[in-house]
Amino acid sequence: MAVSSNRNTKINGLIVFADIVISCLIFCVLHKLSFGAWTLTKDDIIILLSSIILWSYLLKRFDLSKIYKTNPHSYILRNYVIAMLLGLLGLVFITFILKI
């Protein structure tokens, strides 16, 4: 049983890492499409780091960074929607406070 638990922990860690890497790549591609440049400004980096911290927290808070074989898809989808809406509100709040 300990081997399976250790394996699940490693897989869940890889999921979190993949979430962060994919988020960074999407941010950079959208930045390039929006502004025509790959170069990130100080404000862009603040938003990127804030979003990584915020998304990581929300994914962990709503248990979305783990593999579940028993939860229905509707439960997982509902939690993703709630996490993304809270993340969006958090980023809007951060950009408003920092005047970015």
PDB file of N, CA and C in Angstrom:
ATOM      1  N   MET A   1       0.817  -1.192   0.000  1.00  0.00           N
ATOM      2  CA  MET A   1       0.000   0.000   0.000  1.00  0.00           C
ATOM      3  C   MET A   1       0.862   1.258   0.000  1.00  0.00           C
ATOM      4  N   ALA A   2       2.000   1.222   0.685  1.00  0.00           N
ATOM      5  CA  ALA A   2       2.879   2.391   0.746  1.00  0.00           C
ATOM      6  C   ALA A   2       3.451   2.716  -0.623  1.00  0.00           C
ATOM      7  N   VAL A   3       3.698   1.694  -1.439  1.00  0.00           N
ATOM      8  CA  VAL A   3       4.232   1.929  -2.778  1.00  0.00           C
ATOM      9  C   VAL A   3       3.202   2.679  -3.621  1.00  0.00           C
ATOM     10  N   SER A   4       1.941   2.282  -3.539  1.00  0.00           N
ATOM     11  CA  SER A   4       0.883   2.937  -4.295  1.00  0.00           C
ATOM     12  C   SER A   4       0.696   4.384  -3.834  1.00  0.00           C
ATOM     13  N   SER A   5       0.765   4.606  -2.531  1.00  0.00           N
ATOM     14  CA  SER A   5       0.622   5.959  -1.989  1.00  0.00           C
ATOM     15  C   SER A   5       1.770   6.855  -2.454  1.00  0.00           C
ATOM     16  N   ASN A   6       2.986   6.319  -2.441  1.00  0.00           N
ATOM     17  CA  ASN A   6       4.159   7.060  -2.897  1.00  0.00           C
ATOM     18  C   ASN A   6       4.034   7.379  -4.392  1.00  0.00           C
ATOM     19  N   ARG A   7       3.554   6.420  -5.146  1.00  0.00           N
ATOM     20  CA  ARG A   7       3.365   6.614  -6.588  1.00  0.00           C
ATOM     21  C   ARG A   7       2.319   7.697  -6.847  1.00  0.00           C
ATOM     22  N   ASN A   8       1.203   7.664  -6.112  1.00  0.00           N
ATOM     23  CA  ASN A   8       0.160   8.682  -6.266  1.00  0.00           C
ATOM     24  C   ASN A   8       0.688  10.062  -5.905  1.00  0.00           C
ATOM     25  N   THR A   9       1.516  10.152  -4.869  1.00  0.00           N
ATOM     26  CA  THR A   9       2.101  11.422  -4.464  1.00  0.00           C
ATOM     27  C   THR A   9       2.975  11.983  -5.579  1.00  0.00           C
ATOM     28  N   LYS A  10       3.780  11.127  -6.203  1.00  0.00           N
ATOM     29  CA  LYS A  10       4.632  11.569  -7.311  1.00  0.00           C
ATOM     30  C   LYS A  10       3.797  12.019  -8.511  1.00  0.00           C
ATOM     31  N   ILE A  11       2.765  11.271  -8.820  1.00  0.00           N
ATOM     32  CA  ILE A  11       1.901  11.625  -9.950  1.00  0.00           C
ATOM     33  C   ILE A  11       1.197  12.946  -9.681  1.00  0.00           C
ATOM     34  N   ASN A  12       0.686  13.118  -8.456  1.00  0.00           N
ATOM     35  CA  ASN A  12       0.014  14.373  -8.108  1.00  0.00           C
ATOM     36  C   ASN A  12       0.986  15.546  -8.152  1.00  0.00           C
ATOM     37  N   GLY A  13       2.232  15.338  -7.752  1.00  0.00           N
ATOM     38  CA  GLY A  13       3.252  16.382  -7.853  1.00  0.00           C
ATOM     39  C   GLY A  13       3.522  16.755  -9.298  1.00  0.00           C
ATOM     40  N   LEU A  14       3.564  15.753 -10.169  1.00  0.00           N
ATOM     41  CA  LEU A  14       3.751  16.015 -11.595  1.00  0.00           C
ATOM     42  C   LEU A  14       2.574  16.787 -12.182  1.00  0.00           C
ATOM     43  N   ILE A  15       1.372  16.502 -11.708  1.00  0.00           N
ATOM     44  CA  ILE A  15       0.189  17.227 -12.169  1.00  0.00           C
ATOM     45  C   ILE A  15       0.295  18.699 -11.795  1.00  0.00           C
ATOM     46  N   VAL A  16       0.695  18.984 -10.563  1.00  0.00           N
ATOM     47  CA  VAL A  16       0.855  20.374 -10.117  1.00  0.00           C
ATOM     48  C   VAL A  16       1.927  21.069 -10.958  1.00  0.00           C
ATOM     49  N   PHE A  17       3.057  20.397 -11.172  1.00  0.00           N
ATOM     50  CA  PHE A  17       4.134  20.969 -11.982  1.00  0.00           C
ATOM     51  C   PHE A  17       3.653  21.234 -13.403  1.00  0.00           C
ATOM     52  N   ALA A  18       2.923  20.285 -13.982  1.00  0.00           N
ATOM     53  CA  ALA A  18       2.402  20.455 -15.348  1.00  0.00           C
ATOM     54  C   ALA A  18       1.421  21.627 -15.406  1.00  0.00           C
ATOM     55  N   ASP A  19       0.578  21.768 -14.386  1.00  0.00           N
ATOM     56  CA  ASP A  19      -0.347  22.906 -14.333  1.00  0.00           C
ATOM     57  C   ASP A  19       0.407  24.228 -14.373  1.00  0.00           C
ATOM     58  N   ILE A  20       1.483  24.321 -13.608  1.00  0.00           N
ATOM     59  CA  ILE A  20       2.261  25.555 -13.546  1.00  0.00           C
ATOM     60  C   ILE A  20       2.948  25.830 -14.878  1.00  0.00           C
ATOM     61  N   VAL A  21       3.568  24.818 -15.460  1.00  0.00           N
ATOM     62  CA  VAL A  21       4.268  24.990 -16.733  1.00  0.00           C
ATOM     63  C   VAL A  21       3.287  25.374 -17.837  1.00  0.00           C
ATOM     64  N   ILE A  22       2.159  24.700 -17.899  1.00  0.00           N
ATOM     65  CA  ILE A  22       1.161  25.006 -18.927  1.00  0.00           C
ATOM     66  C   ILE A  22       0.615  26.420 -18.741  1.00  0.00           C
ATOM     67  N   SER A  23       0.373  26.813 -17.493  1.00  0.00           N
ATOM     68  CA  SER A  23      -0.105  28.177 -17.225  1.00  0.00           C
ATOM     69  C   SER A  23       0.901  29.219 -17.704  1.00  0.00           C
ATOM     70  N   CYS A  24       2.179  28.982 -17.442  1.00  0.00           N
ATOM     71  CA  CYS A  24       3.220  29.919 -17.898  1.00  0.00           C
ATOM     72  C   CYS A  24       3.273  29.991 -19.422  1.00  0.00           C
ATOM     73  N   LEU A  25       3.210  28.848 -20.074  1.00  0.00           N
ATOM     74  CA  LEU A  25       3.245  28.831 -21.533  1.00  0.00           C
ATOM     75  C   LEU A  25       2.040  29.553 -22.130  1.00  0.00           C
ATOM     76  N   ILE A  26       0.862  29.296 -21.581  1.00  0.00           N
ATOM     77  CA  ILE A  26      -0.340  29.964 -22.073  1.00  0.00           C
ATOM     78  C   ILE A  26      -0.228  31.471 -21.866  1.00  0.00           C
ATOM     79  N   PHE A  27       0.255  31.892 -20.709  1.00  0.00           N
ATOM     80  CA  PHE A  27       0.422  33.319 -20.431  1.00  0.00           C
ATOM     81  C   PHE A  27       1.343  33.952 -21.459  1.00  0.00           C
ATOM     82  N   CYS A  28       2.471  33.311 -21.737  1.00  0.00           N
ATOM     83  CA  CYS A  28       3.440  33.873 -22.689  1.00  0.00           C
ATOM     84  C   CYS A  28       2.880  33.922 -24.107  1.00  0.00           C
ATOM     85  N   VAL A  29       2.169  32.886 -24.524  1.00  0.00           N
ATOM     86  CA  VAL A  29       1.581  32.872 -25.865  1.00  0.00           C
ATOM     87  C   VAL A  29       0.514  33.957 -25.985  1.00  0.00           C
ATOM     88  N   LEU A  30      -0.336  34.074 -24.964  1.00  0.00           N
ATOM     89  CA  LEU A  30      -1.357  35.124 -25.006  1.00  0.00           C
ATOM     90  C   LEU A  30      -0.741  36.517 -24.973  1.00  0.00           C
ATOM     91  N   HIS A  31       0.356  36.661 -24.264  1.00  0.00           N
ATOM     92  CA  HIS A  31       1.066  37.948 -24.244  1.00  0.00           C
ATOM     93  C   HIS A  31       1.593  38.273 -25.634  1.00  0.00           C
ATOM     94  N   LYS A  32       2.167  37.285 -26.288  1.00  0.00           N
ATOM     95  CA  LYS A  32       2.688  37.474 -27.645  1.00  0.00           C
ATOM     96  C   LYS A  32       1.560  37.830 -28.614  1.00  0.00           C
ATOM     97  N   LEU A  33       0.430  37.138 -28.511  1.00  0.00           N
ATOM     98  CA  LEU A  33      -0.696  37.414 -29.398  1.00  0.00           C
ATOM     99  C   LEU A  33      -1.308  38.788 -29.121  1.00  0.00           C
ATOM    100  N   SER A  34      -1.321  39.195 -27.860  1.00  0.00           N
ATOM    101  CA  SER A  34      -1.938  40.475 -27.494  1.00  0.00           C
ATOM    102  C   SER A  34      -1.042  41.670 -27.793  1.00  0.00           C
ATOM    103  N   PHE A  35       0.247  41.539 -27.489  1.00  0.00           N
ATOM    104  CA  PHE A  35       1.150  42.680 -27.567  1.00  0.00           C
ATOM    105  C   PHE A  35       2.230  42.535 -28.634  1.00  0.00           C
ATOM    106  N   GLY A  36       2.300  41.395 -29.288  1.00  0.00           N
ATOM    107  CA  GLY A  36       3.247  41.199 -30.366  1.00  0.00           C
ATOM    108  C   GLY A  36       4.692  41.028 -29.933  1.00  0.00           C
ATOM    109  N   ALA A  37       4.915  40.764 -28.651  1.00  0.00           N
ATOM    110  CA  ALA A  37       6.287  40.612 -28.154  1.00  0.00           C
ATOM    111  C   ALA A  37       6.336  39.500 -27.111  1.00  0.00           C
ATOM    112  N   TRP A  38       7.474  38.819 -27.095  1.00  0.00           N
ATOM    113  CA  TRP A  38       7.693  37.779 -26.089  1.00  0.00           C
ATOM    114  C   TRP A  38       8.264  38.371 -24.802  1.00  0.00           C
ATOM    115  N   THR A  39       8.753  39.592 -24.872  1.00  0.00           N
ATOM    116  CA  THR A  39       9.384  40.230 -23.715  1.00  0.00           C
ATOM    117  C   THR A  39       8.329  40.608 -22.681  1.00  0.00           C
ATOM    118  N   LEU A  40       8.558  40.194 -21.438  1.00  0.00           N
ATOM    119  CA  LEU A  40       7.625  40.502 -20.357  1.00  0.00           C
ATOM    120  C   LEU A  40       8.124  41.705 -19.567  1.00  0.00           C
ATOM    121  N   THR A  41       7.206  42.590 -19.246  1.00  0.00           N
ATOM    122  CA  THR A  41       7.552  43.739 -18.416  1.00  0.00           C
ATOM    123  C   THR A  41       7.481  43.331 -16.939  1.00  0.00           C
ATOM    124  N   LYS A  42       7.870  44.247 -16.073  1.00  0.00           N
ATOM    125  CA  LYS A  42       7.798  43.989 -14.631  1.00  0.00           C
ATOM    126  C   LYS A  42       6.357  43.692 -14.212  1.00  0.00           C
ATOM    127  N   ASP A  43       5.405  44.447 -14.747  1.00  0.00           N
ATOM    128  CA  ASP A  43       3.998  44.217 -14.436  1.00  0.00           C
ATOM    129  C   ASP A  43       3.533  42.840 -14.903  1.00  0.00           C
ATOM    130  N   ASP A  44       3.985  42.431 -16.097  1.00  0.00           N
ATOM    131  CA  ASP A  44       3.629  41.106 -16.617  1.00  0.00           C
ATOM    132  C   ASP A  44       4.142  40.000 -15.699  1.00  0.00           C
ATOM    133  N   ILE A  45       5.359  40.161 -15.229  1.00  0.00           N
ATOM    134  CA  ILE A  45       5.957  39.152 -14.346  1.00  0.00           C
ATOM    135  C   ILE A  45       5.212  39.098 -13.018  1.00  0.00           C
ATOM    136  N   ILE A  46       4.791  40.253 -12.503  1.00  0.00           N
ATOM    137  CA  ILE A  46       4.015  40.285 -11.255  1.00  0.00           C
ATOM    138  C   ILE A  46       2.697  39.545 -11.445  1.00  0.00           C
ATOM    139  N   ILE A  47       2.028  39.799 -12.564  1.00  0.00           N
ATOM    140  CA  ILE A  47       0.761  39.116 -12.840  1.00  0.00           C
ATOM    141  C   ILE A  47       0.987  37.619 -13.003  1.00  0.00           C
ATOM    142  N   LEU A  48       2.037  37.232 -13.716  1.00  0.00           N
ATOM    143  CA  LEU A  48       2.334  35.815 -13.927  1.00  0.00           C
ATOM    144  C   LEU A  48       2.622  35.120 -12.599  1.00  0.00           C
ATOM    145  N   LEU A  49       3.470  35.694 -11.768  1.00  0.00           N
ATOM    146  CA  LEU A  49       3.788  35.079 -10.477  1.00  0.00           C
ATOM    147  C   LEU A  49       2.563  35.033  -9.564  1.00  0.00           C
ATOM    148  N   SER A  50       1.768  36.098  -9.588  1.00  0.00           N
ATOM    149  CA  SER A  50       0.546  36.120  -8.784  1.00  0.00           C
ATOM    150  C   SER A  50      -0.419  35.030  -9.230  1.00  0.00           C
ATOM    151  N   SER A  51      -0.545  34.871 -10.536  1.00  0.00           N
ATOM    152  CA  SER A  51      -1.467  33.855 -11.038  1.00  0.00           C
ATOM    153  C   SER A  51      -0.976  32.453 -10.705  1.00  0.00           C
ATOM    154  N   ILE A  52       0.326  32.219 -10.773  1.00  0.00           N
ATOM    155  CA  ILE A  52       0.861  30.901 -10.421  1.00  0.00           C
ATOM    156  C   ILE A  52       0.562  30.585  -8.963  1.00  0.00           C
ATOM    157  N   ILE A  53       0.812  31.541  -8.094  1.00  0.00           N
ATOM    158  CA  ILE A  53       0.551  31.335  -6.665  1.00  0.00           C
ATOM    159  C   ILE A  53      -0.939  31.134  -6.427  1.00  0.00           C
ATOM    160  N   LEU A  54      -1.747  31.977  -7.047  1.00  0.00           N
ATOM    161  CA  LEU A  54      -3.192  31.902  -6.848  1.00  0.00           C
ATOM    162  C   LEU A  54      -3.764  30.601  -7.388  1.00  0.00           C
ATOM    163  N   TRP A  55      -3.417  30.224  -8.627  1.00  0.00           N
ATOM    164  CA  TRP A  55      -3.942  28.986  -9.210  1.00  0.00           C
ATOM    165  C   TRP A  55      -3.474  27.779  -8.406  1.00  0.00           C
ATOM    166  N   SER A  56      -2.213  27.754  -8.004  1.00  0.00           N
ATOM    167  CA  SER A  56      -1.704  26.618  -7.226  1.00  0.00           C
ATOM    168  C   SER A  56      -2.477  26.473  -5.924  1.00  0.00           C
ATOM    169  N   TYR A  57      -2.723  27.599  -5.253  1.00  0.00           N
ATOM    170  CA  TYR A  57      -3.486  27.559  -4.000  1.00  0.00           C
ATOM    171  C   TYR A  57      -4.906  27.051  -4.245  1.00  0.00           C
ATOM    172  N   LEU A  58      -5.566  27.598  -5.269  1.00  0.00           N
ATOM    173  CA  LEU A  58      -6.952  27.206  -5.529  1.00  0.00           C
ATOM    174  C   LEU A  58      -7.064  25.749  -5.959  1.00  0.00           C
ATOM    175  N   LEU A  59      -6.130  25.284  -6.780  1.00  0.00           N
ATOM    176  CA  LEU A  59      -6.158  23.876  -7.184  1.00  0.00           C
ATOM    177  C   LEU A  59      -5.978  22.957  -5.985  1.00  0.00           C
ATOM    178  N   LYS A  60      -5.091  23.348  -5.070  1.00  0.00           N
ATOM    179  CA  LYS A  60      -4.895  22.551  -3.862  1.00  0.00           C
ATOM    180  C   LYS A  60      -6.104  22.661  -2.938  1.00  0.00           C
ATOM    181  N   ARG A  61      -6.644  23.857  -2.800  1.00  0.00           N
ATOM    182  CA  ARG A  61      -7.787  24.103  -1.909  1.00  0.00           C
ATOM    183  C   ARG A  61      -9.012  23.300  -2.326  1.00  0.00           C
ATOM    184  N   PHE A  62      -9.248  23.196  -3.634  1.00  0.00           N
ATOM    185  CA  PHE A  62     -10.402  22.464  -4.143  1.00  0.00           C
ATOM    186  C   PHE A  62     -10.050  21.023  -4.530  1.00  0.00           C
ATOM    187  N   ASP A  63      -8.883  20.556  -4.099  1.00  0.00           N
ATOM    188  CA  ASP A  63      -8.430  19.180  -4.360  1.00  0.00           C
ATOM    189  C   ASP A  63      -8.464  18.830  -5.844  1.00  0.00           C
ATOM    190  N   LEU A  64      -8.031  19.765  -6.685  1.00  0.00           N
ATOM    191  CA  LEU A  64      -8.037  19.540  -8.123  1.00  0.00           C
ATOM    192  C   LEU A  64      -6.662  19.150  -8.653  1.00  0.00           C
ATOM    193  N   SER A  65      -5.694  19.076  -7.767  1.00  0.00           N
ATOM    194  CA  SER A  65      -4.351  18.690  -8.203  1.00  0.00           C
ATOM    195  C   SER A  65      -4.082  17.227  -7.881  1.00  0.00           C
ATOM    196  N   LYS A  66      -5.122  16.465  -7.669  1.00  0.00           N
ATOM    197  CA  LYS A  66      -4.990  15.043  -7.369  1.00  0.00           C
ATOM    198  C   LYS A  66      -5.787  14.238  -8.383  1.00  0.00           C
ATOM    199  N   ILE A  67      -5.386  13.001  -8.527  1.00  0.00           N
ATOM    200  CA  ILE A  67      -6.117  12.094  -9.396  1.00  0.00           C
ATOM    201  C   ILE A  67      -7.224  11.440  -8.576  1.00  0.00           C
ATOM    202  N   TYR A  68      -8.429  11.551  -9.091  1.00  0.00           N
ATOM    203  CA  TYR A  68      -9.560  10.906  -8.437  1.00  0.00           C
ATOM    204  C   TYR A  68     -10.193   9.913  -9.395  1.00  0.00           C
ATOM    205  N   LYS A  69     -10.440   8.733  -8.895  1.00  0.00           N
ATOM    206  CA  LYS A  69     -11.117   7.731  -9.708  1.00  0.00           C
ATOM    207  C   LYS A  69     -12.551   7.527  -9.245  1.00  0.00           C
ATOM    208  N   THR A  70     -12.905   8.122  -8.098  1.00  0.00           N
ATOM    209  CA  THR A  70     -14.223   7.865  -7.539  1.00  0.00           C
ATOM    210  C   THR A  70     -15.168   9.059  -7.642  1.00  0.00           C
ATOM    211  N   ASN A  71     -14.667  10.261  -7.820  1.00  0.00           N
ATOM    212  CA  ASN A  71     -15.539  11.432  -7.887  1.00  0.00           C
ATOM    213  C   ASN A  71     -16.173  11.559  -9.259  1.00  0.00           C
ATOM    214  N   PRO A  72     -17.444  11.925  -9.295  1.00  0.00           N
ATOM    215  CA  PRO A  72     -18.101  12.115 -10.601  1.00  0.00           C
ATOM    216  C   PRO A  72     -17.525  13.329 -11.328  1.00  0.00           C
ATOM    217  N   HIS A  73     -17.637  13.310 -12.635  1.00  0.00           N
ATOM    218  CA  HIS A  73     -17.110  14.405 -13.449  1.00  0.00           C
ATOM    219  C   HIS A  73     -17.779  15.729 -13.105  1.00  0.00           C
ATOM    220  N   SER A  74     -19.057  15.692 -12.746  1.00  0.00           N
ATOM    221  CA  SER A  74     -19.767  16.928 -12.406  1.00  0.00           C
ATOM    222  C   SER A  74     -19.159  17.587 -11.167  1.00  0.00           C
ATOM    223  N   TYR A  75     -18.706  16.796 -10.211  1.00  0.00           N
ATOM    224  CA  TYR A  75     -18.060  17.324  -9.001  1.00  0.00           C
ATOM    225  C   TYR A  75     -16.746  18.019  -9.365  1.00  0.00           C
ATOM    226  N   ILE A  76     -15.960  17.368 -10.194  1.00  0.00           N
ATOM    227  CA  ILE A  76     -14.668  17.923 -10.604  1.00  0.00           C
ATOM    228  C   ILE A  76     -14.885  19.190 -11.432  1.00  0.00           C
ATOM    229  N   LEU A  77     -15.831  19.163 -12.370  1.00  0.00           N
ATOM    230  CA  LEU A  77     -16.124  20.328 -13.205  1.00  0.00           C
ATOM    231  C   LEU A  77     -16.599  21.500 -12.353  1.00  0.00           C
ATOM    232  N   ARG A  78     -17.490  21.247 -11.407  1.00  0.00           N
ATOM    233  CA  ARG A  78     -17.990  22.306 -10.530  1.00  0.00           C
ATOM    234  C   ARG A  78     -16.843  22.942  -9.757  1.00  0.00           C
ATOM    235  N   ASN A  79     -15.945  22.125  -9.220  1.00  0.00           N
ATOM    236  CA  ASN A  79     -14.806  22.659  -8.468  1.00  0.00           C
ATOM    237  C   ASN A  79     -13.864  23.456  -9.362  1.00  0.00           C
ATOM    238  N   TYR A  80     -13.654  23.002 -10.597  1.00  0.00           N
ATOM    239  CA  TYR A  80     -12.808  23.761 -11.524  1.00  0.00           C
ATOM    240  C   TYR A  80     -13.428  25.119 -11.843  1.00  0.00           C
ATOM    241  N   VAL A  81     -14.719  25.144 -12.087  1.00  0.00           N
ATOM    242  CA  VAL A  81     -15.392  26.405 -12.406  1.00  0.00           C
ATOM    243  C   VAL A  81     -15.291  27.370 -11.225  1.00  0.00           C
ATOM    244  N   ILE A  82     -15.547  26.879 -10.024  1.00  0.00           N
ATOM    245  CA  ILE A  82     -15.446  27.728  -8.830  1.00  0.00           C
ATOM    246  C   ILE A  82     -14.013  28.237  -8.662  1.00  0.00           C
ATOM    247  N   ALA A  83     -13.031  27.353  -8.811  1.00  0.00           N
ATOM    248  CA  ALA A  83     -11.626  27.751  -8.651  1.00  0.00           C
ATOM    249  C   ALA A  83     -11.228  28.789  -9.696  1.00  0.00           C
ATOM    250  N   MET A  84     -11.638  28.608 -10.934  1.00  0.00           N
ATOM    251  CA  MET A  84     -11.274  29.550 -11.991  1.00  0.00           C
ATOM    252  C   MET A  84     -11.944  30.908 -11.777  1.00  0.00           C
ATOM    253  N   LEU A  85     -13.208  30.921 -11.349  1.00  0.00           N
ATOM    254  CA  LEU A  85     -13.880  32.190 -11.069  1.00  0.00           C
ATOM    255  C   LEU A  85     -13.215  32.924  -9.906  1.00  0.00           C
ATOM    256  N   LEU A  86     -12.867  32.190  -8.851  1.00  0.00           N
ATOM    257  CA  LEU A  86     -12.166  32.810  -7.724  1.00  0.00           C
ATOM    258  C   LEU A  86     -10.787  33.307  -8.153  1.00  0.00           C
ATOM    259  N   GLY A  87     -10.113  32.528  -9.004  1.00  0.00           N
ATOM    260  CA  GLY A  87      -8.811  32.954  -9.516  1.00  0.00           C
ATOM    261  C   GLY A  87      -8.917  34.213 -10.345  1.00  0.00           C
ATOM    262  N   LEU A  88      -9.926  34.288 -11.197  1.00  0.00           N
ATOM    263  CA  LEU A  88     -10.134  35.477 -12.011  1.00  0.00           C
ATOM    264  C   LEU A  88     -10.412  36.696 -11.135  1.00  0.00           C
ATOM    265  N   LEU A  89     -11.281  36.520 -10.151  1.00  0.00           N
ATOM    266  CA  LEU A  89     -11.557  37.622  -9.221  1.00  0.00           C
ATOM    267  C   LEU A  89     -10.301  38.038  -8.465  1.00  0.00           C
ATOM    268  N   GLY A  90      -9.497  37.058  -8.065  1.00  0.00           N
ATOM    269  CA  GLY A  90      -8.248  37.361  -7.362  1.00  0.00           C
ATOM    270  C   GLY A  90      -7.288  38.155  -8.225  1.00  0.00           C
ATOM    271  N   LEU A  91      -7.157  37.772  -9.495  1.00  0.00           N
ATOM    272  CA  LEU A  91      -6.262  38.497 -10.390  1.00  0.00           C
ATOM    273  C   LEU A  91      -6.763  39.906 -10.677  1.00  0.00           C
ATOM    274  N   VAL A  92      -8.075  40.056 -10.829  1.00  0.00           N
ATOM    275  CA  VAL A  92      -8.640  41.396 -11.022  1.00  0.00           C
ATOM    276  C   VAL A  92      -8.345  42.250  -9.793  1.00  0.00           C
ATOM    277  N   PHE A  93      -8.509  41.678  -8.617  1.00  0.00           N
ATOM    278  CA  PHE A  93      -8.227  42.390  -7.372  1.00  0.00           C
ATOM    279  C   PHE A  93      -6.755  42.791  -7.291  1.00  0.00           C
ATOM    280  N   ILE A  94      -5.860  41.869  -7.618  1.00  0.00           N
ATOM    281  CA  ILE A  94      -4.412  42.154  -7.559  1.00  0.00           C
ATOM    282  C   ILE A  94      -4.048  43.266  -8.540  1.00  0.00           C
ATOM    283  N   THR A  95      -4.568  43.184  -9.765  1.00  0.00           N
ATOM    284  CA  THR A  95      -4.244  44.225 -10.756  1.00  0.00           C
ATOM    285  C   THR A  95      -4.840  45.572 -10.357  1.00  0.00           C
ATOM    286  N   PHE A  96      -5.995  45.553  -9.705  1.00  0.00           N
ATOM    287  CA  PHE A  96      -6.605  46.812  -9.244  1.00  0.00           C
ATOM    288  C   PHE A  96      -5.782  47.420  -8.108  1.00  0.00           C
ATOM    289  N   ILE A  97      -5.399  46.612  -7.144  1.00  0.00           N
ATOM    290  CA  ILE A  97      -4.632  47.092  -5.997  1.00  0.00           C
ATOM    291  C   ILE A  97      -3.260  47.623  -6.431  1.00  0.00           C
ATOM    292  N   LEU A  98      -2.598  46.872  -7.326  1.00  0.00           N
ATOM    293  CA  LEU A  98      -1.264  47.267  -7.768  1.00  0.00           C
ATOM    294  C   LEU A  98      -1.294  48.282  -8.917  1.00  0.00           C
ATOM    295  N   LYS A  99      -2.499  48.595  -9.403  1.00  0.00           N
ATOM    296  CA  LYS A  99      -2.697  49.543 -10.513  1.00  0.00           C
ATOM    297  C   LYS A  99      -1.888  49.132 -11.754  1.00  0.00           C
ATOM    298  N   ILE A 100      -1.995  47.862 -12.088  1.00  0.00           N
ATOM    299  CA  ILE A 100      -1.290  47.320 -13.254  1.00  0.00           C
ATOM    300  C   ILE A 100      -2.223  47.397 -14.451  1.00  0.00           C
TER     301      ILE A 100
END
